[in-house]
Amino acid sequence: MPETRGFLTVSASHLPPAFAEILLQISAESTKGIVLAGASGFLVFARGEHPEYPQSVQKLLAYAAADLDSSFVLFDSDGDVLDDFPTYDDEN
């Protein structure tokens, strides 16, 4: 059987706005495919260490990888808000 990888879909409001701008840059510059930016959000590789990411994002990625066995998190404008993780708006 070929390997398949799952992803967790959450609200893009879980991303601090300034960090979302950084993800846009990473996506544009990355050849590793660790971040993909789209019209409604970002697909971020959840496995491994991410010390350069905000603590709240690190915790969400770790939750997806360790607790849900997901390889990616899709931060989507239509995704669900997870109560145990902070959310941000453009004014935070």
PDB file of N, CA and C in Angstrom:
ATOM      1  N   MET A   1       0.846  -1.193   0.000  1.00  0.00           N
ATOM      2  CA  MET A   1       0.000   0.000   0.000  1.00  0.00           C
ATOM      3  C   MET A   1       0.889   1.254   0.000  1.00  0.00           C
ATOM      4  N   PRO A   2       0.521   2.245  -0.789  1.00  0.00           N
ATOM      5  CA  PRO A   2       1.270   3.501  -0.748  1.00  0.00           C
ATOM      6  C   PRO A   2       0.988   4.239   0.557  1.00  0.00           C
ATOM      7  N   GLU A   3       1.943   5.013   0.968  1.00  0.00           N
ATOM      8  CA  GLU A   3       1.788   5.816   2.190  1.00  0.00           C
ATOM      9  C   GLU A   3       0.809   6.954   1.930  1.00  0.00           C
ATOM     10  N   THR A   4      -0.080   7.175   2.881  1.00  0.00           N
ATOM     11  CA  THR A   4      -0.980   8.325   2.833  1.00  0.00           C
ATOM     12  C   THR A   4      -0.763   9.150   4.087  1.00  0.00           C
ATOM     13  N   ARG A   5      -1.043  10.431   3.989  1.00  0.00           N
ATOM     14  CA  ARG A   5      -0.884  11.338   5.121  1.00  0.00           C
ATOM     15  C   ARG A   5      -2.159  12.143   5.294  1.00  0.00           C
ATOM     16  N   GLY A   6      -2.569  12.294   6.563  1.00  0.00           N
ATOM     17  CA  GLY A   6      -3.770  13.051   6.854  1.00  0.00           C
ATOM     18  C   GLY A   6      -3.452  14.472   7.268  1.00  0.00           C
ATOM     19  N   PHE A   7      -4.515  15.290   7.312  1.00  0.00           N
ATOM     20  CA  PHE A   7      -4.332  16.646   7.822  1.00  0.00           C
ATOM     21  C   PHE A   7      -5.533  17.062   8.643  1.00  0.00           C
ATOM     22  N   LEU A   8      -5.263  17.949   9.578  1.00  0.00           N
ATOM     23  CA  LEU A   8      -6.274  18.548  10.441  1.00  0.00           C
ATOM     24  C   LEU A   8      -6.651  19.891   9.827  1.00  0.00           C
ATOM     25  N   THR A   9      -7.940  20.159   9.694  1.00  0.00           N
ATOM     26  CA  THR A   9      -8.407  21.455   9.203  1.00  0.00           C
ATOM     27  C   THR A   9      -8.910  22.276  10.374  1.00  0.00           C
ATOM     28  N   VAL A  10      -8.351  23.482  10.520  1.00  0.00           N
ATOM     29  CA  VAL A  10      -8.757  24.397  11.588  1.00  0.00           C
ATOM     30  C   VAL A  10      -8.952  25.786  10.991  1.00  0.00           C
ATOM     31  N   SER A  11      -9.558  26.653  11.759  1.00  0.00           N
ATOM     32  CA  SER A  11      -9.772  28.030  11.342  1.00  0.00           C
ATOM     33  C   SER A  11      -8.441  28.766  11.163  1.00  0.00           C
ATOM     34  N   ALA A  12      -8.373  29.575  10.124  1.00  0.00           N
ATOM     35  CA  ALA A  12      -7.200  30.421   9.919  1.00  0.00           C
ATOM     36  C   ALA A  12      -7.050  31.447  11.040  1.00  0.00           C
ATOM     37  N   SER A  13      -8.089  31.646  11.838  1.00  0.00           N
ATOM     38  CA  SER A  13      -7.995  32.580  12.967  1.00  0.00           C
ATOM     39  C   SER A  13      -7.037  32.090  14.042  1.00  0.00           C
ATOM     40  N   HIS A  14      -6.586  30.836  13.949  1.00  0.00           N
ATOM     41  CA  HIS A  14      -5.582  30.324  14.890  1.00  0.00           C
ATOM     42  C   HIS A  14      -4.171  30.817  14.549  1.00  0.00           C
ATOM     43  N   LEU A  15      -4.022  31.517  13.436  1.00  0.00           N
ATOM     44  CA  LEU A  15      -2.717  32.072  13.064  1.00  0.00           C
ATOM     45  C   LEU A  15      -2.639  33.543  13.445  1.00  0.00           C
ATOM     46  N   PRO A  16      -1.601  33.926  14.183  1.00  0.00           N
ATOM     47  CA  PRO A  16      -1.405  35.365  14.412  1.00  0.00           C
ATOM     48  C   PRO A  16      -1.221  36.056  13.054  1.00  0.00           C
ATOM     49  N   PRO A  17      -1.885  37.196  12.812  1.00  0.00           N
ATOM     50  CA  PRO A  17      -1.804  37.859  11.505  1.00  0.00           C
ATOM     51  C   PRO A  17      -0.384  38.137  11.016  1.00  0.00           C
ATOM     52  N   ALA A  18       0.498  38.575  11.907  1.00  0.00           N
ATOM     53  CA  ALA A  18       1.880  38.843  11.482  1.00  0.00           C
ATOM     54  C   ALA A  18       2.570  37.559  11.038  1.00  0.00           C
ATOM     55  N   PHE A  19       2.243  36.446  11.692  1.00  0.00           N
ATOM     56  CA  PHE A  19       2.845  35.174  11.306  1.00  0.00           C
ATOM     57  C   PHE A  19       2.265  34.679   9.978  1.00  0.00           C
ATOM     58  N   ALA A  20       1.013  34.966   9.704  1.00  0.00           N
ATOM     59  CA  ALA A  20       0.419  34.608   8.413  1.00  0.00           C
ATOM     60  C   ALA A  20       1.181  35.292   7.279  1.00  0.00           C
ATOM     61  N   GLU A  21       1.603  36.527   7.505  1.00  0.00           N
ATOM     62  CA  GLU A  21       2.418  37.229   6.501  1.00  0.00           C
ATOM     63  C   GLU A  21       3.750  36.520   6.294  1.00  0.00           C
ATOM     64  N   ILE A  22       4.342  36.035   7.365  1.00  0.00           N
ATOM     65  CA  ILE A  22       5.602  35.279   7.267  1.00  0.00           C
ATOM     66  C   ILE A  22       5.374  33.985   6.493  1.00  0.00           C
ATOM     67  N   LEU A  23       4.243  33.318   6.742  1.00  0.00           N
ATOM     68  CA  LEU A  23       3.940  32.092   6.012  1.00  0.00           C
ATOM     69  C   LEU A  23       3.806  32.349   4.515  1.00  0.00           C
ATOM     70  N   LEU A  24       3.265  33.491   4.141  1.00  0.00           N
ATOM     71  CA  LEU A  24       3.190  33.848   2.720  1.00  0.00           C
ATOM     72  C   LEU A  24       4.589  33.922   2.110  1.00  0.00           C
ATOM     73  N   GLN A  25       5.522  34.519   2.847  1.00  0.00           N
ATOM     74  CA  GLN A  25       6.904  34.617   2.373  1.00  0.00           C
ATOM     75  C   GLN A  25       7.553  33.239   2.296  1.00  0.00           C
ATOM     76  N   ILE A  26       7.352  32.426   3.328  1.00  0.00           N
ATOM     77  CA  ILE A  26       7.927  31.080   3.341  1.00  0.00           C
ATOM     78  C   ILE A  26       7.404  30.286   2.155  1.00  0.00           C
ATOM     79  N   SER A  27       6.119  30.383   1.895  1.00  0.00           N
ATOM     80  CA  SER A  27       5.504  29.661   0.786  1.00  0.00           C
ATOM     81  C   SER A  27       6.100  30.094  -0.547  1.00  0.00           C
ATOM     82  N   ALA A  28       6.288  31.382  -0.716  1.00  0.00           N
ATOM     83  CA  ALA A  28       6.820  31.905  -1.971  1.00  0.00           C
ATOM     84  C   ALA A  28       8.278  31.515  -2.180  1.00  0.00           C
ATOM     85  N   GLU A  29       9.034  31.397  -1.092  1.00  0.00           N
ATOM     86  CA  GLU A  29      10.468  31.142  -1.186  1.00  0.00           C
ATOM     87  C   GLU A  29      10.842  29.676  -1.018  1.00  0.00           C
ATOM     88  N   SER A  30       9.941  28.862  -0.494  1.00  0.00           N
ATOM     89  CA  SER A  30      10.275  27.494  -0.112  1.00  0.00           C
ATOM     90  C   SER A  30      10.305  26.544  -1.302  1.00  0.00           C
ATOM     91  N   THR A  31      11.330  25.736  -1.330  1.00  0.00           N
ATOM     92  CA  THR A  31      11.391  24.638  -2.288  1.00  0.00           C
ATOM     93  C   THR A  31      11.163  23.314  -1.571  1.00  0.00           C
ATOM     94  N   LYS A  32      11.007  23.353  -0.262  1.00  0.00           N
ATOM     95  CA  LYS A  32      10.820  22.149   0.533  1.00  0.00           C
ATOM     96  C   LYS A  32       9.355  21.765   0.695  1.00  0.00           C
ATOM     97  N   GLY A  33       8.435  22.651   0.362  1.00  0.00           N
ATOM     98  CA  GLY A  33       7.019  22.338   0.470  1.00  0.00           C
ATOM     99  C   GLY A  33       6.502  22.252   1.887  1.00  0.00           C
ATOM    100  N   ILE A  34       7.142  22.959   2.843  1.00  0.00           N
ATOM    101  CA  ILE A  34       6.679  22.891   4.223  1.00  0.00           C
ATOM    102  C   ILE A  34       5.460  23.774   4.461  1.00  0.00           C
ATOM    103  N   VAL A  35       5.239  24.747   3.583  1.00  0.00           N
ATOM    104  CA  VAL A  35       4.074  25.631   3.672  1.00  0.00           C
ATOM    105  C   VAL A  35       3.556  25.886   2.260  1.00  0.00           C
ATOM    106  N   LEU A  36       2.266  25.692   2.088  1.00  0.00           N
ATOM    107  CA  LEU A  36       1.614  26.037   0.832  1.00  0.00           C
ATOM    108  C   LEU A  36       0.546  27.072   1.145  1.00  0.00           C
ATOM    109  N   ALA A  37       0.549  28.176   0.418  1.00  0.00           N
ATOM    110  CA  ALA A  37      -0.440  29.231   0.625  1.00  0.00           C
ATOM    111  C   ALA A  37      -1.472  29.161  -0.487  1.00  0.00           C
ATOM    112  N   GLY A  38      -2.736  29.353  -0.103  1.00  0.00           N
ATOM    113  CA  GLY A  38      -3.822  29.371  -1.080  1.00  0.00           C
ATOM    114  C   GLY A  38      -4.727  30.547  -0.845  1.00  0.00           C
ATOM    115  N   ALA A  39      -5.794  30.597  -1.589  1.00  0.00           N
ATOM    116  CA  ALA A  39      -6.726  31.721  -1.508  1.00  0.00           C
ATOM    117  C   ALA A  39      -7.414  31.823  -0.160  1.00  0.00           C
ATOM    118  N   SER A  40      -7.609  30.692   0.524  1.00  0.00           N
ATOM    119  CA  SER A  40      -8.357  30.741   1.780  1.00  0.00           C
ATOM    120  C   SER A  40      -7.556  30.285   2.991  1.00  0.00           C
ATOM    121  N   GLY A  41      -6.246  30.054   2.835  1.00  0.00           N
ATOM    122  CA  GLY A  41      -5.469  29.653   3.998  1.00  0.00           C
ATOM    123  C   GLY A  41      -4.116  29.059   3.658  1.00  0.00           C
ATOM    124  N   PHE A  42      -3.610  28.252   4.594  1.00  0.00           N
ATOM    125  CA  PHE A  42      -2.265  27.693   4.492  1.00  0.00           C
ATOM    126  C   PHE A  42      -2.283  26.218   4.868  1.00  0.00           C
ATOM    127  N   LEU A  43      -1.498  25.426   4.153  1.00  0.00           N
ATOM    128  CA  LEU A  43      -1.259  24.040   4.503  1.00  0.00           C
ATOM    129  C   LEU A  43       0.159  23.974   5.041  1.00  0.00           C
ATOM    130  N   VAL A  44       0.298  23.583   6.317  1.00  0.00           N
ATOM    131  CA  VAL A  44       1.590  23.623   7.005  1.00  0.00           C
ATOM    132  C   VAL A  44       1.964  22.217   7.457  1.00  0.00           C
ATOM    133  N   PHE A  45       3.213  21.828   7.197  1.00  0.00           N
ATOM    134  CA  PHE A  45       3.713  20.538   7.654  1.00  0.00           C
ATOM    135  C   PHE A  45       3.764  20.554   9.180  1.00  0.00           C
ATOM    136  N   ALA A  46       3.163  19.538   9.808  1.00  0.00           N
ATOM    137  CA  ALA A  46       3.000  19.533  11.266  1.00  0.00           C
ATOM    138  C   ALA A  46       4.097  18.769  12.000  1.00  0.00           C
ATOM    139  N   ARG A  47       4.791  17.899  11.331  1.00  0.00           N
ATOM    140  CA  ARG A  47       5.766  17.036  12.004  1.00  0.00           C
ATOM    141  C   ARG A  47       7.084  17.767  12.226  1.00  0.00           C
ATOM    142  N   GLY A  48       7.830  17.347  13.220  1.00  0.00           N
ATOM    143  CA  GLY A  48       9.140  17.940  13.490  1.00  0.00           C
ATOM    144  C   GLY A  48       9.067  19.158  14.386  1.00  0.00           C
ATOM    145  N   GLU A  49      10.202  19.777  14.525  1.00  0.00           N
ATOM    146  CA  GLU A  49      10.322  20.965  15.373  1.00  0.00           C
ATOM    147  C   GLU A  49      10.132  22.225  14.537  1.00  0.00           C
ATOM    148  N   HIS A  50       9.522  23.234  15.144  1.00  0.00           N
ATOM    149  CA  HIS A  50       9.262  24.504  14.475  1.00  0.00           C
ATOM    150  C   HIS A  50       9.592  25.657  15.431  1.00  0.00           C
ATOM    151  N   PRO A  51      10.852  25.764  15.870  1.00  0.00           N
ATOM    152  CA  PRO A  51      11.177  26.770  16.894  1.00  0.00           C
ATOM    153  C   PRO A  51      10.964  28.210  16.440  1.00  0.00           C
ATOM    154  N   GLU A  52      10.939  28.454  15.135  1.00  0.00           N
ATOM    155  CA  GLU A  52      10.751  29.811  14.638  1.00  0.00           C
ATOM    156  C   GLU A  52       9.276  30.213  14.579  1.00  0.00           C
ATOM    157  N   TYR A  53       8.376  29.269  14.806  1.00  0.00           N
ATOM    158  CA  TYR A  53       6.941  29.548  14.777  1.00  0.00           C
ATOM    159  C   TYR A  53       6.482  30.043  16.150  1.00  0.00           C
ATOM    160  N   PRO A  54       5.419  30.850  16.201  1.00  0.00           N
ATOM    161  CA  PRO A  54       4.867  31.269  17.497  1.00  0.00           C
ATOM    162  C   PRO A  54       4.480  30.046  18.336  1.00  0.00           C
ATOM    163  N   GLN A  55       4.579  30.184  19.639  1.00  0.00           N
ATOM    164  CA  GLN A  55       4.291  29.088  20.570  1.00  0.00           C
ATOM    165  C   GLN A  55       2.899  28.506  20.340  1.00  0.00           C
ATOM    166  N   SER A  56       1.906  29.346  20.093  1.00  0.00           N
ATOM    167  CA  SER A  56       0.542  28.853  19.893  1.00  0.00           C
ATOM    168  C   SER A  56       0.444  27.973  18.644  1.00  0.00           C
ATOM    169  N   VAL A  57       1.162  28.320  17.605  1.00  0.00           N
ATOM    170  CA  VAL A  57       1.165  27.528  16.370  1.00  0.00           C
ATOM    171  C   VAL A  57       1.926  26.225  16.595  1.00  0.00           C
ATOM    172  N   GLN A  58       3.047  26.301  17.307  1.00  0.00           N
ATOM    173  CA  GLN A  58       3.805  25.088  17.638  1.00  0.00           C
ATOM    174  C   GLN A  58       2.932  24.085  18.387  1.00  0.00           C
ATOM    175  N   LYS A  59       2.169  24.564  19.355  1.00  0.00           N
ATOM    176  CA  LYS A  59       1.306  23.675  20.135  1.00  0.00           C
ATOM    177  C   LYS A  59       0.221  23.041  19.272  1.00  0.00           C
ATOM    178  N   LEU A  60      -0.350  23.806  18.355  1.00  0.00           N
ATOM    179  CA  LEU A  60      -1.387  23.265  17.490  1.00  0.00           C
ATOM    180  C   LEU A  60      -0.800  22.218  16.534  1.00  0.00           C
ATOM    181  N   LEU A  61       0.369  22.495  15.975  1.00  0.00           N
ATOM    182  CA  LEU A  61       1.020  21.526  15.093  1.00  0.00           C
ATOM    183  C   LEU A  61       1.386  20.255  15.848  1.00  0.00           C
ATOM    184  N   ALA A  62       1.888  20.410  17.068  1.00  0.00           N
ATOM    185  CA  ALA A  62       2.240  19.247  17.892  1.00  0.00           C
ATOM    186  C   ALA A  62       0.994  18.421  18.219  1.00  0.00           C
ATOM    187  N   TYR A  63      -0.091  19.082  18.523  1.00  0.00           N
ATOM    188  CA  TYR A  63      -1.363  18.388  18.779  1.00  0.00           C
ATOM    189  C   TYR A  63      -1.786  17.574  17.559  1.00  0.00           C
ATOM    190  N   ALA A  64      -1.728  18.197  16.386  1.00  0.00           N
ATOM    191  CA  ALA A  64      -2.119  17.497  15.159  1.00  0.00           C
ATOM    192  C   ALA A  64      -1.237  16.279  14.920  1.00  0.00           C
ATOM    193  N   ALA A  65       0.069  16.441  15.089  1.00  0.00           N
ATOM    194  CA  ALA A  65       1.008  15.353  14.806  1.00  0.00           C
ATOM    195  C   ALA A  65       0.940  14.256  15.861  1.00  0.00           C
ATOM    196  N   ALA A  66       1.036  14.625  17.125  1.00  0.00           N
ATOM    197  CA  ALA A  66       1.141  13.629  18.189  1.00  0.00           C
ATOM    198  C   ALA A  66      -0.206  13.018  18.577  1.00  0.00           C
ATOM    199  N   ASP A  67      -1.220  13.835  18.716  1.00  0.00           N
ATOM    200  CA  ASP A  67      -2.506  13.336  19.204  1.00  0.00           C
ATOM    201  C   ASP A  67      -3.414  12.801  18.096  1.00  0.00           C
ATOM    202  N   LEU A  68      -3.294  13.362  16.887  1.00  0.00           N
ATOM    203  CA  LEU A  68      -4.196  12.973  15.798  1.00  0.00           C
ATOM    204  C   LEU A  68      -3.484  12.227  14.669  1.00  0.00           C
ATOM    205  N   ASP A  69      -2.163  12.086  14.786  1.00  0.00           N
ATOM    206  CA  ASP A  69      -1.351  11.414  13.771  1.00  0.00           C
ATOM    207  C   ASP A  69      -1.517  12.063  12.395  1.00  0.00           C
ATOM    208  N   SER A  70      -1.656  13.382  12.377  1.00  0.00           N
ATOM    209  CA  SER A  70      -1.755  14.137  11.127  1.00  0.00           C
ATOM    210  C   SER A  70      -0.385  14.644  10.725  1.00  0.00           C
ATOM    211  N   SER A  71      -0.145  14.700   9.445  1.00  0.00           N
ATOM    212  CA  SER A  71       1.128  15.209   8.942  1.00  0.00           C
ATOM    213  C   SER A  71       1.074  16.700   8.628  1.00  0.00           C
ATOM    214  N   PHE A  72      -0.139  17.228   8.442  1.00  0.00           N
ATOM    215  CA  PHE A  72      -0.304  18.624   8.054  1.00  0.00           C
ATOM    216  C   PHE A  72      -1.456  19.257   8.826  1.00  0.00           C
ATOM    217  N   VAL A  73      -1.417  20.585   8.912  1.00  0.00           N
ATOM    218  CA  VAL A  73      -2.558  21.354   9.405  1.00  0.00           C
ATOM    219  C   VAL A  73      -2.948  22.322   8.298  1.00  0.00           C
ATOM    220  N   LEU A  74      -4.225  22.287   7.946  1.00  0.00           N
ATOM    221  CA  LEU A  74      -4.766  23.235   6.989  1.00  0.00           C
ATOM    222  C   LEU A  74      -5.442  24.349   7.779  1.00  0.00           C
ATOM    223  N   PHE A  75      -4.847  25.526   7.749  1.00  0.00           N
ATOM    224  CA  PHE A  75      -5.438  26.715   8.367  1.00  0.00           C
ATOM    225  C   PHE A  75      -6.332  27.336   7.301  1.00  0.00           C
ATOM    226  N   ASP A  76      -7.642  27.139   7.434  1.00  0.00           N
ATOM    227  CA  ASP A  76      -8.598  27.496   6.401  1.00  0.00           C
ATOM    228  C   ASP A  76      -9.579  28.538   6.922  1.00  0.00           C
ATOM    229  N   SER A  77      -9.944  29.476   6.073  1.00  0.00           N
ATOM    230  CA  SER A  77     -10.878  30.519   6.506  1.00  0.00           C
ATOM    231  C   SER A  77     -12.235  29.948   6.914  1.00  0.00           C
ATOM    232  N   ASP A  78     -12.569  28.756   6.424  1.00  0.00           N
ATOM    233  CA  ASP A  78     -13.833  28.118   6.788  1.00  0.00           C
ATOM    234  C   ASP A  78     -13.663  26.984   7.794  1.00  0.00           C
ATOM    235  N   GLY A  79     -12.452  26.809   8.324  1.00  0.00           N
ATOM    236  CA  GLY A  79     -12.189  25.719   9.260  1.00  0.00           C
ATOM    237  C   GLY A  79     -12.795  25.966  10.630  1.00  0.00           C
ATOM    238  N   ASP A  80     -12.839  24.907  11.416  1.00  0.00           N
ATOM    239  CA  ASP A  80     -13.394  24.984  12.768  1.00  0.00           C
ATOM    240  C   ASP A  80     -12.420  25.652  13.738  1.00  0.00           C
ATOM    241  N   VAL A  81     -12.968  26.372  14.694  1.00  0.00           N
ATOM    242  CA  VAL A  81     -12.184  26.942  15.786  1.00  0.00           C
ATOM    243  C   VAL A  81     -12.067  25.875  16.869  1.00  0.00           C
ATOM    244  N   LEU A  82     -10.851  25.618  17.324  1.00  0.00           N
ATOM    245  CA  LEU A  82     -10.620  24.660  18.399  1.00  0.00           C
ATOM    246  C   LEU A  82     -10.563  25.425  19.717  1.00  0.00           C
ATOM    247  N   ASP A  83     -11.421  25.059  20.648  1.00  0.00           N
ATOM    248  CA  ASP A  83     -11.553  25.794  21.908  1.00  0.00           C
ATOM    249  C   ASP A  83     -10.274  25.852  22.728  1.00  0.00           C
ATOM    250  N   ASP A  84      -9.427  24.848  22.634  1.00  0.00           N
ATOM    251  CA  ASP A  84      -8.231  24.795  23.477  1.00  0.00           C
ATOM    252  C   ASP A  84      -7.043  25.577  22.923  1.00  0.00           C
ATOM    253  N   PHE A  85      -7.237  26.278  21.797  1.00  0.00           N
ATOM    254  CA  PHE A  85      -6.142  27.015  21.171  1.00  0.00           C
ATOM    255  C   PHE A  85      -6.577  28.453  20.922  1.00  0.00           C
ATOM    256  N   PRO A  86      -5.663  29.418  21.115  1.00  0.00           N
ATOM    257  CA  PRO A  86      -6.032  30.825  20.937  1.00  0.00           C
ATOM    258  C   PRO A  86      -6.371  31.162  19.492  1.00  0.00           C
ATOM    259  N   THR A  87      -7.188  32.188  19.330  1.00  0.00           N
ATOM    260  CA  THR A  87      -7.502  32.729  18.015  1.00  0.00           C
ATOM    261  C   THR A  87      -7.082  34.194  17.981  1.00  0.00           C
ATOM    262  N   TYR A  88      -6.935  34.691  16.775  1.00  0.00           N
ATOM    263  CA  TYR A  88      -6.472  36.066  16.565  1.00  0.00           C
ATOM    264  C   TYR A  88      -7.346  36.711  15.508  1.00  0.00           C
ATOM    265  N   ASP A  89      -7.421  38.010  15.571  1.00  0.00           N
ATOM    266  CA  ASP A  89      -8.030  38.764  14.483  1.00  0.00           C
ATOM    267  C   ASP A  89      -6.997  39.757  13.993  1.00  0.00           C
ATOM    268  N   ASP A  90      -7.343  40.538  13.000  1.00  0.00           N
ATOM    269  CA  ASP A  90      -6.380  41.470  12.402  1.00  0.00           C
ATOM    270  C   ASP A  90      -5.917  42.559  13.358  1.00  0.00           C
ATOM    271  N   GLU A  91      -6.624  42.738  14.461  1.00  0.00           N
ATOM    272  CA  GLU A  91      -6.265  43.805  15.397  1.00  0.00           C
ATOM    273  C   GLU A  91      -5.395  43.325  16.540  1.00  0.00           C
ATOM    274  N   ASN A  92      -5.150  41.985  16.667  1.00  0.00           N
ATOM    275  CA  ASN A  92      -4.313  41.450  17.764  1.00  0.00           C
ATOM    276  C   ASN A  92      -2.862  41.542  17.402  1.00  0.00           C
TER     277      ASN A  92
END
